[in-house]
Every structure is written in C-alpha cells, then in structure tokens.
Amino acid sequence: MNAVQINAALHRELSYIVTDEVLMEQALKALRQIRRDRRISLAMQRLAEIEKEDAELKAGEEQSHLPKT
C-alpha cells in the first residue's frame, strides 16, 4: 500500500465510527500513542548513532596514542 491508499483506508475506517464520540476518542488516543512511540523510537535510534560515533572516535584516539611499530 502506498501513502494515498493508506490515507484513504484510514478515512474509510474512521467514517464507520465518526458519529460515536467514545470510539473517536479511542481512535485519537491510539493515534497519539503511535506518534509518541515513533518519536521515542527515533530518539533512541539517534542516541544509538551518537553512541556509535563516540565509540568510533574513542577507538580512533586510542589507536593514535599507540606506539608505531
């Protein structure tokens, strides 16, 4: 499915519950949770990248301090 098809499917599914305030609130809560989870996932991914870069820099610094043979 591409983005346009997914968007259409979401709207279609929402159309079934649009008149029920409780169900709409549940859908909104679920979508917000998905967004929060995604933001956390991206932050953790970025942190892992930073830690990897730090480890590579430290490894490079340690190698530069070793005596050359």
N, C-alpha and C. Protein backbone atom coordinates (compact mmCIF):
# COMPACT_ATOMS: atom_id res chain seq x y z
N MET A 1 0.84 -1.19 0.00
CA MET A 1 0.00 0.00 0.00
C MET A 1 0.88 1.24 0.00
N ASN A 2 0.50 2.20 -0.80
CA ASN A 2 1.23 3.46 -0.78
C ASN A 2 0.51 4.45 0.16
N ALA A 3 1.09 5.60 0.34
CA ALA A 3 0.57 6.57 1.30
C ALA A 3 -0.86 7.01 0.97
N VAL A 4 -1.16 7.18 -0.29
CA VAL A 4 -2.51 7.62 -0.68
C VAL A 4 -3.54 6.53 -0.35
N GLN A 5 -3.19 5.28 -0.61
CA GLN A 5 -4.10 4.18 -0.30
C GLN A 5 -4.30 4.03 1.21
N ILE A 6 -3.24 4.19 1.95
CA ILE A 6 -3.34 4.09 3.41
C ILE A 6 -4.20 5.22 3.95
N ASN A 7 -3.99 6.42 3.44
CA ASN A 7 -4.80 7.57 3.87
C ASN A 7 -6.28 7.32 3.58
N ALA A 8 -6.58 6.81 2.42
CA ALA A 8 -7.97 6.51 2.06
C ALA A 8 -8.55 5.44 2.98
N ALA A 9 -7.76 4.42 3.29
CA ALA A 9 -8.23 3.35 4.18
C ALA A 9 -8.49 3.88 5.58
N LEU A 10 -7.62 4.75 6.06
CA LEU A 10 -7.83 5.36 7.38
C LEU A 10 -9.13 6.17 7.42
N HIS A 11 -9.34 6.97 6.40
CA HIS A 11 -10.57 7.76 6.34
C HIS A 11 -11.81 6.86 6.24
N ARG A 12 -11.69 5.81 5.47
CA ARG A 12 -12.80 4.87 5.34
C ARG A 12 -13.14 4.24 6.69
N GLU A 13 -12.12 3.79 7.40
CA GLU A 13 -12.35 3.18 8.71
C GLU A 13 -12.92 4.19 9.71
N LEU A 14 -12.41 5.41 9.68
CA LEU A 14 -12.93 6.44 10.58
C LEU A 14 -14.38 6.79 10.27
N SER A 15 -14.77 6.67 9.02
CA SER A 15 -16.14 7.02 8.65
C SER A 15 -17.16 6.12 9.35
N TYR A 16 -16.73 4.91 9.73
CA TYR A 16 -17.65 4.00 10.41
C TYR A 16 -17.91 4.41 11.87
N ILE A 17 -16.96 5.15 12.45
CA ILE A 17 -17.11 5.49 13.87
C ILE A 17 -17.29 6.98 14.11
N VAL A 18 -17.38 7.75 13.06
CA VAL A 18 -17.40 9.22 13.18
C VAL A 18 -18.55 9.75 14.04
N THR A 19 -19.63 9.02 14.15
CA THR A 19 -20.76 9.50 14.94
C THR A 19 -20.70 9.07 16.40
N ASP A 20 -19.71 8.25 16.75
CA ASP A 20 -19.58 7.76 18.13
C ASP A 20 -18.40 8.46 18.79
N GLU A 21 -18.70 9.37 19.69
CA GLU A 21 -17.67 10.18 20.34
C GLU A 21 -16.67 9.33 21.11
N VAL A 22 -17.14 8.30 21.79
CA VAL A 22 -16.25 7.44 22.57
C VAL A 22 -15.25 6.72 21.65
N LEU A 23 -15.76 6.16 20.56
CA LEU A 23 -14.88 5.46 19.63
C LEU A 23 -13.88 6.42 18.96
N MET A 24 -14.33 7.61 18.65
CA MET A 24 -13.42 8.61 18.05
C MET A 24 -12.33 8.99 19.05
N GLU A 25 -12.67 9.13 20.32
CA GLU A 25 -11.67 9.43 21.34
C GLU A 25 -10.66 8.28 21.47
N GLN A 26 -11.15 7.04 21.39
CA GLN A 26 -10.25 5.89 21.44
C GLN A 26 -9.31 5.89 20.24
N ALA A 27 -9.84 6.20 19.07
CA ALA A 27 -9.01 6.25 17.86
C ALA A 27 -7.96 7.35 17.99
N LEU A 28 -8.36 8.50 18.49
CA LEU A 28 -7.43 9.61 18.67
C LEU A 28 -6.34 9.24 19.67
N LYS A 29 -6.73 8.60 20.76
CA LYS A 29 -5.76 8.18 21.77
C LYS A 29 -4.77 7.18 21.18
N ALA A 30 -5.26 6.24 20.38
CA ALA A 30 -4.38 5.25 19.75
C ALA A 30 -3.41 5.92 18.78
N LEU A 31 -3.89 6.86 17.99
CA LEU A 31 -3.01 7.55 17.04
C LEU A 31 -1.96 8.38 17.77
N ARG A 32 -2.35 9.02 18.85
CA ARG A 32 -1.38 9.80 19.63
C ARG A 32 -0.32 8.88 20.24
N GLN A 33 -0.73 7.71 20.69
CA GLN A 33 0.23 6.76 21.26
C GLN A 33 1.21 6.28 20.19
N ILE A 34 0.72 6.04 18.99
CA ILE A 34 1.58 5.65 17.87
C ILE A 34 2.60 6.75 17.60
N ARG A 35 2.14 7.99 17.60
CA ARG A 35 3.04 9.13 17.36
C ARG A 35 4.10 9.23 18.45
N ARG A 36 3.69 9.07 19.72
CA ARG A 36 4.65 9.12 20.83
C ARG A 36 5.67 7.99 20.71
N ASP A 37 5.19 6.79 20.41
CA ASP A 37 6.09 5.65 20.26
C ASP A 37 7.10 5.89 19.14
N ARG A 38 6.64 6.46 18.06
CA ARG A 38 7.52 6.75 16.93
C ARG A 38 8.57 7.78 17.31
N ARG A 39 8.15 8.82 18.03
CA ARG A 39 9.09 9.86 18.45
C ARG A 39 10.15 9.26 19.38
N ILE A 40 9.73 8.41 20.30
CA ILE A 40 10.67 7.74 21.20
C ILE A 40 11.62 6.86 20.42
N SER A 41 11.09 6.11 19.46
CA SER A 41 11.90 5.23 18.64
C SER A 41 12.97 6.02 17.88
N LEU A 42 12.57 7.14 17.30
CA LEU A 42 13.53 7.98 16.56
C LEU A 42 14.59 8.54 17.50
N ALA A 43 14.20 8.95 18.69
CA ALA A 43 15.17 9.48 19.65
C ALA A 43 16.16 8.40 20.08
N MET A 44 15.67 7.19 20.30
CA MET A 44 16.55 6.09 20.70
C MET A 44 17.50 5.73 19.56
N GLN A 45 17.00 5.78 18.34
CA GLN A 45 17.82 5.50 17.17
C GLN A 45 18.95 6.53 17.06
N ARG A 46 18.60 7.79 17.25
CA ARG A 46 19.60 8.85 17.17
C ARG A 46 20.62 8.71 18.29
N LEU A 47 20.17 8.36 19.49
CA LEU A 47 21.08 8.16 20.60
C LEU A 47 22.07 7.03 20.30
N ALA A 48 21.57 5.95 19.72
CA ALA A 48 22.44 4.82 19.35
C ALA A 48 23.48 5.26 18.32
N GLU A 49 23.08 6.10 17.38
CA GLU A 49 24.02 6.61 16.38
C GLU A 49 25.10 7.46 17.03
N ILE A 50 24.69 8.31 17.97
CA ILE A 50 25.65 9.17 18.66
C ILE A 50 26.62 8.32 19.48
N GLU A 51 26.10 7.32 20.18
CA GLU A 51 26.97 6.45 20.97
C GLU A 51 27.95 5.70 20.08
N LYS A 52 27.49 5.27 18.92
CA LYS A 52 28.38 4.57 17.98
C LYS A 52 29.48 5.51 17.49
N GLU A 53 29.10 6.75 17.16
CA GLU A 53 30.09 7.72 16.71
C GLU A 53 31.10 8.01 17.82
N ASP A 54 30.63 8.13 19.05
CA ASP A 54 31.53 8.35 20.18
C ASP A 54 32.51 7.20 20.34
N ALA A 55 32.00 5.97 20.24
CA ALA A 55 32.86 4.79 20.37
C ALA A 55 33.90 4.77 19.26
N GLU A 56 33.50 5.13 18.06
CA GLU A 56 34.44 5.15 16.94
C GLU A 56 35.51 6.22 17.15
N LEU A 57 35.11 7.38 17.67
CA LEU A 57 36.07 8.44 17.94
C LEU A 57 37.06 8.02 19.02
N LYS A 58 36.54 7.39 20.09
CA LYS A 58 37.43 6.93 21.16
C LYS A 58 38.40 5.87 20.65
N ALA A 59 37.91 4.96 19.82
CA ALA A 59 38.77 3.92 19.26
C ALA A 59 39.85 4.55 18.40
N GLY A 60 39.49 5.56 17.64
CA GLY A 60 40.47 6.25 16.80
C GLY A 60 41.50 6.98 17.62
N GLU A 61 41.07 7.60 18.71
CA GLU A 61 42.00 8.31 19.59
C GLU A 61 42.95 7.35 20.26
N GLU A 62 42.44 6.19 20.69
CA GLU A 62 43.28 5.20 21.34
C GLU A 62 44.33 4.67 20.38
N GLN A 63 43.95 4.47 19.14
CA GLN A 63 44.91 3.96 18.14
C GLN A 63 45.97 5.01 17.84
N SER A 64 45.62 6.28 17.88
CA SER A 64 46.60 7.31 17.59
C SER A 64 47.62 7.46 18.72
N HIS A 65 47.30 6.99 19.92
CA HIS A 65 48.21 7.07 21.05
C HIS A 65 49.11 5.85 21.18
N LEU A 66 48.83 4.82 20.40
CA LEU A 66 49.67 3.61 20.45
C LEU A 66 51.00 3.88 19.76
N PRO A 67 52.07 3.30 20.30
CA PRO A 67 53.37 3.49 19.62
C PRO A 67 53.37 2.78 18.26
N LYS A 68 53.99 3.42 17.31
CA LYS A 68 54.05 2.84 15.96
C LYS A 68 55.19 1.83 15.91
N THR A 69 54.92 0.73 15.26
CA THR A 69 55.94 -0.33 15.15
C THR A 69 56.48 -0.43 13.77
